Amino acid sequence: MGYEPMRPISLPLGELLDLELHLMNVRPGVKLETFITELLQRWLAIDKERLALRTNGPAIRGFQWKNIFLPEGTNLRTSHRGNVEFAKVIGDHIISDDGTSLTPSLFANRHAGGRNAWRFVWLRFPGNDYWIRASDCRTRFKDQRQQRSASKIETP
């Protein structure tokens, strides 16, 4: 490996020590500098991709679920009796970890019947670090649409 120029940065010592101790427990042998560099590279790639999509990037593939669009790369999560399952939007399909193509309802009801997918499926959109319940996502979408409609009516 060749020379790579470096620049020191100041970070809170408490957080660095906490991270270093955590890495020692869960990823022994991983150096703090290497981990932070990889973390920064992943974050930067995701953020650049998110920015490119906002500025008329390529056509977005994904899955249309009623009035919610799940762009490619969206992760889905559900659980039943302690069994947590994941799926991901790949192209125009939702694909489970075992490679099965599913609808949100089939995904929510793989191990139990009669479950409302809006209530039992959680979503993590590309570039987001947090999960949101599908029903909350749908409610936000409805609220935003109502606000836009109200502002159009008020504008002369």
N, C-alpha and C. Protein backbone atom coordinates (compact mmCIF):
# COMPACT_ATOMS: atom_id res chain seq x y z
N MET A 1 0.84 -1.18 0.00
CA MET A 1 0.00 0.00 0.00
C MET A 1 0.87 1.23 0.00
N GLY A 2 0.54 2.18 -0.88
CA GLY A 2 1.33 3.39 -1.01
C GLY A 2 0.99 4.43 0.04
N TYR A 3 1.70 5.52 -0.07
CA TYR A 3 1.49 6.63 0.86
C TYR A 3 0.15 7.28 0.59
N GLU A 4 -0.59 7.53 1.65
CA GLU A 4 -1.86 8.24 1.54
C GLU A 4 -1.79 9.43 2.49
N PRO A 5 -1.89 10.64 1.93
CA PRO A 5 -1.80 11.82 2.82
C PRO A 5 -2.96 11.82 3.82
N MET A 6 -2.66 12.24 5.02
CA MET A 6 -3.65 12.27 6.10
C MET A 6 -3.72 13.67 6.69
N ARG A 7 -4.86 13.96 7.29
CA ARG A 7 -5.05 15.23 7.97
C ARG A 7 -5.71 14.94 9.31
N PRO A 8 -5.13 15.41 10.39
CA PRO A 8 -5.74 15.15 11.70
C PRO A 8 -7.03 15.96 11.86
N ILE A 9 -7.99 15.37 12.55
CA ILE A 9 -9.23 16.08 12.88
C ILE A 9 -9.48 15.91 14.37
N SER A 10 -10.21 16.84 14.93
CA SER A 10 -10.52 16.78 16.35
C SER A 10 -11.92 16.22 16.55
N LEU A 11 -12.01 15.19 17.37
CA LEU A 11 -13.28 14.58 17.71
C LEU A 11 -13.36 14.46 19.22
N PRO A 12 -14.56 14.45 19.77
CA PRO A 12 -14.69 14.32 21.23
C PRO A 12 -14.06 13.02 21.72
N LEU A 13 -13.19 13.13 22.70
CA LEU A 13 -12.44 11.99 23.21
C LEU A 13 -13.36 10.91 23.78
N GLY A 14 -14.40 11.32 24.49
CA GLY A 14 -15.32 10.34 25.09
C GLY A 14 -15.95 9.44 24.05
N GLU A 15 -16.43 10.02 22.93
CA GLU A 15 -17.05 9.22 21.88
C GLU A 15 -16.04 8.30 21.20
N LEU A 16 -14.82 8.82 20.99
CA LEU A 16 -13.78 7.98 20.37
C LEU A 16 -13.42 6.79 21.24
N LEU A 17 -13.27 7.03 22.54
CA LEU A 17 -12.95 5.92 23.45
C LEU A 17 -14.10 4.92 23.52
N ASP A 18 -15.33 5.42 23.54
CA ASP A 18 -16.49 4.55 23.56
C ASP A 18 -16.54 3.69 22.30
N LEU A 19 -16.27 4.30 21.15
CA LEU A 19 -16.26 3.56 19.88
C LEU A 19 -15.13 2.53 19.88
N GLU A 20 -13.96 2.92 20.36
CA GLU A 20 -12.82 2.00 20.37
C GLU A 20 -13.11 0.79 21.26
N LEU A 21 -13.68 1.01 22.43
CA LEU A 21 -14.03 -0.11 23.32
C LEU A 21 -15.11 -0.99 22.70
N HIS A 22 -16.08 -0.36 22.05
CA HIS A 22 -17.13 -1.13 21.38
C HIS A 22 -16.54 -2.00 20.27
N LEU A 23 -15.65 -1.43 19.47
CA LEU A 23 -15.00 -2.20 18.41
C LEU A 23 -14.19 -3.35 18.96
N MET A 24 -13.53 -3.15 20.09
CA MET A 24 -12.74 -4.22 20.70
C MET A 24 -13.64 -5.39 21.08
N ASN A 25 -14.88 -5.09 21.49
CA ASN A 25 -15.81 -6.15 21.90
C ASN A 25 -16.47 -6.84 20.72
N VAL A 26 -16.89 -6.08 19.71
CA VAL A 26 -17.67 -6.67 18.63
C VAL A 26 -16.87 -6.96 17.37
N ARG A 27 -15.76 -6.27 17.18
CA ARG A 27 -14.92 -6.48 15.99
C ARG A 27 -13.45 -6.43 16.37
N PRO A 28 -13.00 -7.43 17.11
CA PRO A 28 -11.60 -7.41 17.54
C PRO A 28 -10.67 -7.39 16.32
N GLY A 29 -9.61 -6.62 16.45
CA GLY A 29 -8.64 -6.54 15.36
C GLY A 29 -8.89 -5.40 14.40
N VAL A 30 -10.09 -4.79 14.44
CA VAL A 30 -10.38 -3.67 13.55
C VAL A 30 -9.83 -2.39 14.19
N LYS A 31 -9.04 -1.66 13.43
CA LYS A 31 -8.44 -0.44 13.95
C LYS A 31 -9.43 0.71 13.83
N LEU A 32 -9.41 1.58 14.81
CA LEU A 32 -10.33 2.71 14.87
C LEU A 32 -10.25 3.56 13.61
N GLU A 33 -9.04 3.89 13.15
CA GLU A 33 -8.86 4.72 11.96
C GLU A 33 -9.46 4.06 10.73
N THR A 34 -9.25 2.76 10.58
CA THR A 34 -9.79 2.02 9.43
C THR A 34 -11.30 2.02 9.46
N PHE A 35 -11.87 1.77 10.64
CA PHE A 35 -13.33 1.74 10.78
C PHE A 35 -13.94 3.10 10.45
N ILE A 36 -13.38 4.17 10.98
CA ILE A 36 -13.91 5.51 10.73
C ILE A 36 -13.78 5.87 9.25
N THR A 37 -12.68 5.50 8.62
CA THR A 37 -12.49 5.77 7.19
C THR A 37 -13.54 5.04 6.37
N GLU A 38 -13.77 3.77 6.65
CA GLU A 38 -14.78 3.00 5.92
C GLU A 38 -16.18 3.55 6.16
N LEU A 39 -16.47 3.93 7.39
CA LEU A 39 -17.77 4.52 7.72
C LEU A 39 -17.99 5.82 6.94
N LEU A 40 -16.97 6.65 6.89
CA LEU A 40 -17.05 7.91 6.15
C LEU A 40 -17.25 7.66 4.65
N GLN A 41 -16.52 6.69 4.10
CA GLN A 41 -16.67 6.38 2.67
C GLN A 41 -18.09 5.89 2.35
N ARG A 42 -18.65 5.01 3.20
CA ARG A 42 -20.03 4.52 2.97
C ARG A 42 -21.04 5.65 3.06
N TRP A 43 -20.90 6.49 4.09
CA TRP A 43 -21.84 7.60 4.25
C TRP A 43 -21.76 8.55 3.06
N LEU A 44 -20.56 8.87 2.62
CA LEU A 44 -20.38 9.79 1.50
C LEU A 44 -20.97 9.22 0.21
N ALA A 45 -20.79 7.92 -0.04
CA ALA A 45 -21.36 7.29 -1.23
C ALA A 45 -22.89 7.36 -1.20
N ILE A 46 -23.49 7.06 -0.05
CA ILE A 46 -24.95 7.11 0.08
C ILE A 46 -25.45 8.53 -0.10
N ASP A 47 -24.78 9.50 0.51
CA ASP A 47 -25.23 10.88 0.42
C ASP A 47 -25.10 11.43 -1.00
N LYS A 48 -24.03 11.06 -1.70
CA LYS A 48 -23.88 11.49 -3.09
C LYS A 48 -24.96 10.87 -3.97
N GLU A 49 -25.29 9.60 -3.71
CA GLU A 49 -26.36 8.94 -4.47
C GLU A 49 -27.69 9.62 -4.21
N ARG A 50 -27.96 9.96 -2.96
CA ARG A 50 -29.22 10.63 -2.61
C ARG A 50 -29.30 11.99 -3.30
N LEU A 51 -28.20 12.72 -3.33
CA LEU A 51 -28.18 14.02 -4.00
C LEU A 51 -28.38 13.87 -5.50
N ALA A 52 -27.76 12.86 -6.09
CA ALA A 52 -27.91 12.63 -7.53
C ALA A 52 -29.36 12.31 -7.88
N LEU A 53 -30.04 11.56 -7.02
CA LEU A 53 -31.44 11.23 -7.28
C LEU A 53 -32.33 12.46 -7.18
N ARG A 54 -31.98 13.39 -6.31
CA ARG A 54 -32.77 14.61 -6.15
C ARG A 54 -32.63 15.54 -7.35
N THR A 55 -31.50 15.50 -7.99
CA THR A 55 -31.23 16.44 -9.09
C THR A 55 -31.38 15.75 -10.43
N ASN A 56 -32.58 15.24 -10.67
CA ASN A 56 -32.92 14.62 -11.95
C ASN A 56 -31.93 13.54 -12.36
N GLY A 57 -31.68 12.63 -11.45
CA GLY A 57 -30.82 11.50 -11.76
C GLY A 57 -31.53 10.53 -12.68
N PRO A 58 -31.01 9.34 -12.80
CA PRO A 58 -31.62 8.35 -13.69
C PRO A 58 -33.01 7.96 -13.18
N ALA A 59 -33.80 7.38 -14.08
CA ALA A 59 -35.13 6.92 -13.69
C ALA A 59 -35.02 5.96 -12.51
N ILE A 60 -35.90 6.14 -11.56
CA ILE A 60 -35.84 5.34 -10.34
C ILE A 60 -36.70 4.10 -10.50
N ARG A 61 -36.11 2.97 -10.20
CA ARG A 61 -36.85 1.71 -10.19
C ARG A 61 -37.35 1.51 -8.77
N GLY A 62 -38.39 0.70 -8.63
CA GLY A 62 -38.91 0.43 -7.30
C GLY A 62 -40.25 -0.26 -7.36
N PHE A 63 -40.89 -0.35 -6.20
CA PHE A 63 -42.16 -1.05 -6.05
C PHE A 63 -43.22 -0.04 -5.62
N GLN A 64 -44.33 -0.01 -6.33
CA GLN A 64 -45.44 0.87 -5.97
C GLN A 64 -46.39 0.11 -5.07
N TRP A 65 -46.52 0.57 -3.83
CA TRP A 65 -47.41 -0.06 -2.84
C TRP A 65 -48.53 0.92 -2.54
N LYS A 66 -49.67 0.70 -3.18
CA LYS A 66 -50.82 1.61 -3.08
C LYS A 66 -50.34 3.02 -3.42
N ASN A 67 -50.38 3.96 -2.45
CA ASN A 67 -49.96 5.32 -2.75
C ASN A 67 -48.53 5.62 -2.28
N ILE A 68 -47.78 4.60 -1.87
CA ILE A 68 -46.41 4.78 -1.42
C ILE A 68 -45.46 4.13 -2.42
N PHE A 69 -44.46 4.87 -2.86
CA PHE A 69 -43.45 4.32 -3.76
C PHE A 69 -42.24 3.92 -2.94
N LEU A 70 -41.82 2.66 -3.08
CA LEU A 70 -40.63 2.15 -2.41
C LEU A 70 -39.51 2.07 -3.43
N PRO A 71 -38.58 3.03 -3.41
CA PRO A 71 -37.50 3.00 -4.41
C PRO A 71 -36.60 1.79 -4.22
N GLU A 72 -35.93 1.42 -5.30
CA GLU A 72 -34.99 0.31 -5.24
C GLU A 72 -33.99 0.56 -4.12
N GLY A 73 -33.72 -0.47 -3.35
CA GLY A 73 -32.81 -0.34 -2.21
C GLY A 73 -33.53 -0.18 -0.88
N THR A 74 -34.85 0.02 -0.92
CA THR A 74 -35.62 0.12 0.32
C THR A 74 -35.60 -1.22 1.03
N ASN A 75 -35.34 -1.21 2.33
CA ASN A 75 -35.36 -2.43 3.14
C ASN A 75 -36.70 -2.55 3.84
N LEU A 76 -37.19 -3.77 3.98
CA LEU A 76 -38.43 -4.05 4.69
C LEU A 76 -38.10 -5.00 5.84
N ARG A 77 -38.81 -4.83 6.95
CA ARG A 77 -38.59 -5.68 8.12
C ARG A 77 -39.94 -6.02 8.74
N THR A 78 -40.09 -7.24 9.17
CA THR A 78 -41.27 -7.66 9.92
C THR A 78 -40.82 -8.68 10.94
N SER A 79 -41.66 -8.90 11.95
CA SER A 79 -41.33 -9.92 12.95
C SER A 79 -42.60 -10.60 13.42
N HIS A 80 -42.42 -11.84 13.85
CA HIS A 80 -43.52 -12.61 14.40
C HIS A 80 -42.95 -13.56 15.44
N ARG A 81 -43.39 -13.40 16.68
CA ARG A 81 -42.94 -14.26 17.78
C ARG A 81 -41.42 -14.33 17.88
N GLY A 82 -40.77 -13.19 17.80
CA GLY A 82 -39.33 -13.12 17.94
C GLY A 82 -38.54 -13.45 16.69
N ASN A 83 -39.20 -13.87 15.63
CA ASN A 83 -38.53 -14.18 14.37
C ASN A 83 -38.56 -12.93 13.48
N VAL A 84 -37.42 -12.33 13.28
CA VAL A 84 -37.33 -11.11 12.47
C VAL A 84 -36.92 -11.49 11.06
N GLU A 85 -37.64 -10.95 10.08
CA GLU A 85 -37.33 -11.22 8.68
C GLU A 85 -37.11 -9.92 7.94
N PHE A 86 -36.28 -9.99 6.90
CA PHE A 86 -35.96 -8.83 6.10
C PHE A 86 -36.22 -9.12 4.63
N ALA A 87 -36.50 -8.07 3.90
CA ALA A 87 -36.63 -8.14 2.46
C ALA A 87 -36.10 -6.82 1.91
N LYS A 88 -35.92 -6.77 0.60
CA LYS A 88 -35.37 -5.57 -0.02
C LYS A 88 -36.01 -5.36 -1.38
N VAL A 89 -36.22 -4.11 -1.74
CA VAL A 89 -36.73 -3.80 -3.07
C VAL A 89 -35.54 -3.87 -4.03
N ILE A 90 -35.63 -4.79 -4.97
CA ILE A 90 -34.59 -4.98 -5.99
C ILE A 90 -35.28 -4.84 -7.33
N GLY A 91 -34.87 -3.85 -8.10
CA GLY A 91 -35.56 -3.57 -9.36
C GLY A 91 -36.97 -3.12 -9.07
N ASP A 92 -37.95 -3.86 -9.56
CA ASP A 92 -39.36 -3.52 -9.34
C ASP A 92 -40.05 -4.54 -8.43
N HIS A 93 -39.28 -5.32 -7.66
CA HIS A 93 -39.86 -6.39 -6.84
C HIS A 93 -39.34 -6.32 -5.42
N ILE A 94 -40.13 -6.85 -4.50
CA ILE A 94 -39.70 -7.04 -3.12
C ILE A 94 -39.19 -8.47 -3.02
N ILE A 95 -37.93 -8.61 -2.63
CA ILE A 95 -37.29 -9.93 -2.58
C ILE A 95 -36.90 -10.23 -1.13
N SER A 96 -37.35 -11.38 -0.62
CA SER A 96 -37.01 -11.76 0.75
C SER A 96 -35.57 -12.25 0.80
N ASP A 97 -35.09 -12.47 2.02
CA ASP A 97 -33.72 -12.97 2.18
C ASP A 97 -33.50 -14.32 1.52
N ASP A 98 -34.57 -15.12 1.39
CA ASP A 98 -34.42 -16.43 0.75
C ASP A 98 -34.65 -16.37 -0.76
N GLY A 99 -34.81 -15.16 -1.32
CA GLY A 99 -34.92 -14.99 -2.76
C GLY A 99 -36.34 -15.03 -3.32
N THR A 100 -37.34 -15.12 -2.45
CA THR A 100 -38.73 -15.18 -2.88
C THR A 100 -39.24 -13.78 -3.20
N SER A 101 -39.95 -13.63 -4.32
CA SER A 101 -40.57 -12.36 -4.67
C SER A 101 -41.91 -12.28 -3.95
N LEU A 102 -42.15 -11.18 -3.24
CA LEU A 102 -43.33 -11.04 -2.39
C LEU A 102 -44.02 -9.71 -2.57
N THR A 103 -45.28 -9.66 -2.18
CA THR A 103 -45.98 -8.39 -2.00
C THR A 103 -45.81 -8.03 -0.52
N PRO A 104 -46.08 -6.80 -0.13
CA PRO A 104 -45.99 -6.47 1.30
C PRO A 104 -46.90 -7.35 2.16
N SER A 105 -48.10 -7.67 1.67
CA SER A 105 -49.02 -8.50 2.43
C SER A 105 -48.46 -9.92 2.61
N LEU A 106 -47.94 -10.50 1.54
CA LEU A 106 -47.33 -11.84 1.65
C LEU A 106 -46.14 -11.82 2.60
N PHE A 107 -45.37 -10.74 2.56
CA PHE A 107 -44.21 -10.62 3.44
C PHE A 107 -44.65 -10.58 4.91
N ALA A 108 -45.68 -9.80 5.22
CA ALA A 108 -46.16 -9.68 6.60
C ALA A 108 -46.82 -10.97 7.10
N ASN A 109 -47.36 -11.77 6.18
CA ASN A 109 -48.14 -12.94 6.56
C ASN A 109 -47.45 -14.28 6.28
N ARG A 110 -46.14 -14.28 6.15
CA ARG A 110 -45.43 -15.53 5.86
C ARG A 110 -45.58 -16.56 6.97
N HIS A 111 -45.65 -16.10 8.22
CA HIS A 111 -45.71 -17.03 9.35
C HIS A 111 -46.96 -16.83 10.20
N ALA A 112 -47.85 -15.97 9.75
CA ALA A 112 -49.10 -15.73 10.47
C ALA A 112 -50.11 -15.21 9.47
N GLY A 113 -51.36 -15.49 9.70
CA GLY A 113 -52.38 -15.04 8.76
C GLY A 113 -53.15 -13.84 9.29
N GLY A 114 -53.73 -13.10 8.38
CA GLY A 114 -54.60 -11.99 8.75
C GLY A 114 -53.92 -10.76 9.28
N ARG A 115 -52.62 -10.63 9.05
CA ARG A 115 -51.92 -9.44 9.55
C ARG A 115 -51.96 -8.34 8.50
N ASN A 116 -52.22 -7.14 8.94
CA ASN A 116 -52.25 -5.97 8.07
C ASN A 116 -50.81 -5.52 7.82
N ALA A 117 -50.37 -5.58 6.58
CA ALA A 117 -48.98 -5.24 6.25
C ALA A 117 -48.64 -3.81 6.64
N TRP A 118 -49.59 -2.90 6.54
CA TRP A 118 -49.31 -1.51 6.91
C TRP A 118 -48.87 -1.42 8.37
N ARG A 119 -49.40 -2.29 9.23
CA ARG A 119 -49.08 -2.26 10.65
C ARG A 119 -47.85 -3.10 11.01
N PHE A 120 -47.58 -4.16 10.23
CA PHE A 120 -46.53 -5.10 10.63
C PHE A 120 -45.27 -5.02 9.78
N VAL A 121 -45.23 -4.12 8.81
CA VAL A 121 -44.02 -3.96 8.00
C VAL A 121 -43.40 -2.61 8.32
N TRP A 122 -42.10 -2.63 8.54
CA TRP A 122 -41.31 -1.42 8.77
C TRP A 122 -40.44 -1.20 7.55
N LEU A 123 -40.20 0.07 7.22
CA LEU A 123 -39.45 0.43 6.02
C LEU A 123 -38.21 1.24 6.39
N ARG A 124 -37.14 1.01 5.66
CA ARG A 124 -35.95 1.88 5.76
C ARG A 124 -35.57 2.23 4.33
N PHE A 125 -35.79 3.50 3.99
CA PHE A 125 -35.54 3.96 2.64
C PHE A 125 -34.04 4.15 2.40
N PRO A 126 -33.60 4.06 1.15
CA PRO A 126 -32.16 4.22 0.84
C PRO A 126 -31.63 5.54 1.39
N GLY A 127 -30.51 5.47 2.06
CA GLY A 127 -29.88 6.66 2.61
C GLY A 127 -30.36 7.03 3.99
N ASN A 128 -31.41 6.40 4.49
CA ASN A 128 -31.93 6.68 5.83
C ASN A 128 -31.33 5.70 6.83
N ASP A 129 -31.15 6.18 8.04
CA ASP A 129 -30.60 5.34 9.09
C ASP A 129 -31.68 4.77 10.00
N TYR A 130 -32.92 5.20 9.81
CA TYR A 130 -33.97 4.80 10.74
C TYR A 130 -35.08 4.04 10.01
N TRP A 131 -35.80 3.24 10.78
CA TRP A 131 -36.93 2.48 10.27
C TRP A 131 -38.21 3.25 10.56
N ILE A 132 -39.18 3.15 9.67
CA ILE A 132 -40.48 3.79 9.86
C ILE A 132 -41.56 2.77 9.56
N ARG A 133 -42.57 2.72 10.43
CA ARG A 133 -43.68 1.80 10.21
C ARG A 133 -44.40 2.23 8.93
N ALA A 134 -44.79 1.26 8.11
CA ALA A 134 -45.42 1.56 6.82
C ALA A 134 -46.67 2.42 6.99
N SER A 135 -47.46 2.17 8.03
CA SER A 135 -48.66 2.97 8.24
C SER A 135 -48.31 4.43 8.55
N ASP A 136 -47.22 4.67 9.29
CA ASP A 136 -46.79 6.04 9.57
C ASP A 136 -46.33 6.73 8.29
N CYS A 137 -45.67 5.98 7.43
CA CYS A 137 -45.22 6.52 6.14
C CYS A 137 -46.44 6.92 5.30
N ARG A 138 -47.45 6.07 5.28
CA ARG A 138 -48.66 6.35 4.51
C ARG A 138 -49.37 7.59 5.08
N THR A 139 -49.42 7.71 6.40
CA THR A 139 -50.05 8.87 7.04
C THR A 139 -49.31 10.16 6.69
N ARG A 140 -47.98 10.11 6.72
CA ARG A 140 -47.18 11.29 6.35
C ARG A 140 -47.47 11.71 4.91
N PHE A 141 -47.56 10.71 4.03
CA PHE A 141 -47.83 11.00 2.62
C PHE A 141 -49.19 11.67 2.47
N LYS A 142 -50.21 11.14 3.15
CA LYS A 142 -51.55 11.73 3.09
C LYS A 142 -51.54 13.16 3.62
N ASP A 143 -50.85 13.38 4.75
CA ASP A 143 -50.78 14.72 5.34
C ASP A 143 -50.10 15.71 4.39
N GLN A 144 -49.01 15.28 3.76
CA GLN A 144 -48.30 16.16 2.82
C GLN A 144 -49.19 16.50 1.63
N ARG A 145 -49.92 15.51 1.13
CA ARG A 145 -50.80 15.73 -0.01
C ARG A 145 -51.93 16.69 0.35
N GLN A 146 -52.49 16.55 1.55
CA GLN A 146 -53.54 17.46 2.00
C GLN A 146 -53.01 18.88 2.15
N GLN A 147 -51.79 19.01 2.67
CA GLN A 147 -51.20 20.34 2.83
C GLN A 147 -50.98 21.00 1.47
N ARG A 148 -50.51 20.22 0.49
CA ARG A 148 -50.32 20.77 -0.86
C ARG A 148 -51.65 21.21 -1.46
N SER A 149 -52.69 20.38 -1.29
CA SER A 149 -54.00 20.72 -1.83
C SER A 149 -54.54 21.99 -1.17
N ALA A 150 -54.37 22.10 0.14
CA ALA A 150 -54.85 23.28 0.85
C ALA A 150 -54.10 24.54 0.41
N SER A 151 -52.80 24.42 0.18
CA SER A 151 -52.03 25.60 -0.24
C SER A 151 -52.40 26.02 -1.66
N LYS A 152 -52.77 25.08 -2.52
CA LYS A 152 -53.19 25.42 -3.88
C LYS A 152 -54.52 26.15 -3.87
N ILE A 153 -55.42 25.76 -2.97
CA ILE A 153 -56.73 26.41 -2.87
C ILE A 153 -56.58 27.82 -2.35
N GLU A 154 -55.67 28.04 -1.38
CA GLU A 154 -55.49 29.35 -0.79
C GLU A 154 -54.76 30.31 -1.70
N THR A 155 -53.91 29.80 -2.61
CA THR A 155 -53.13 30.66 -3.48
C THR A 155 -54.02 31.20 -4.60
N PRO A 156 -54.09 32.56 -4.75
CA PRO A 156 -54.94 33.13 -5.78
C PRO A 156 -54.38 32.95 -7.17
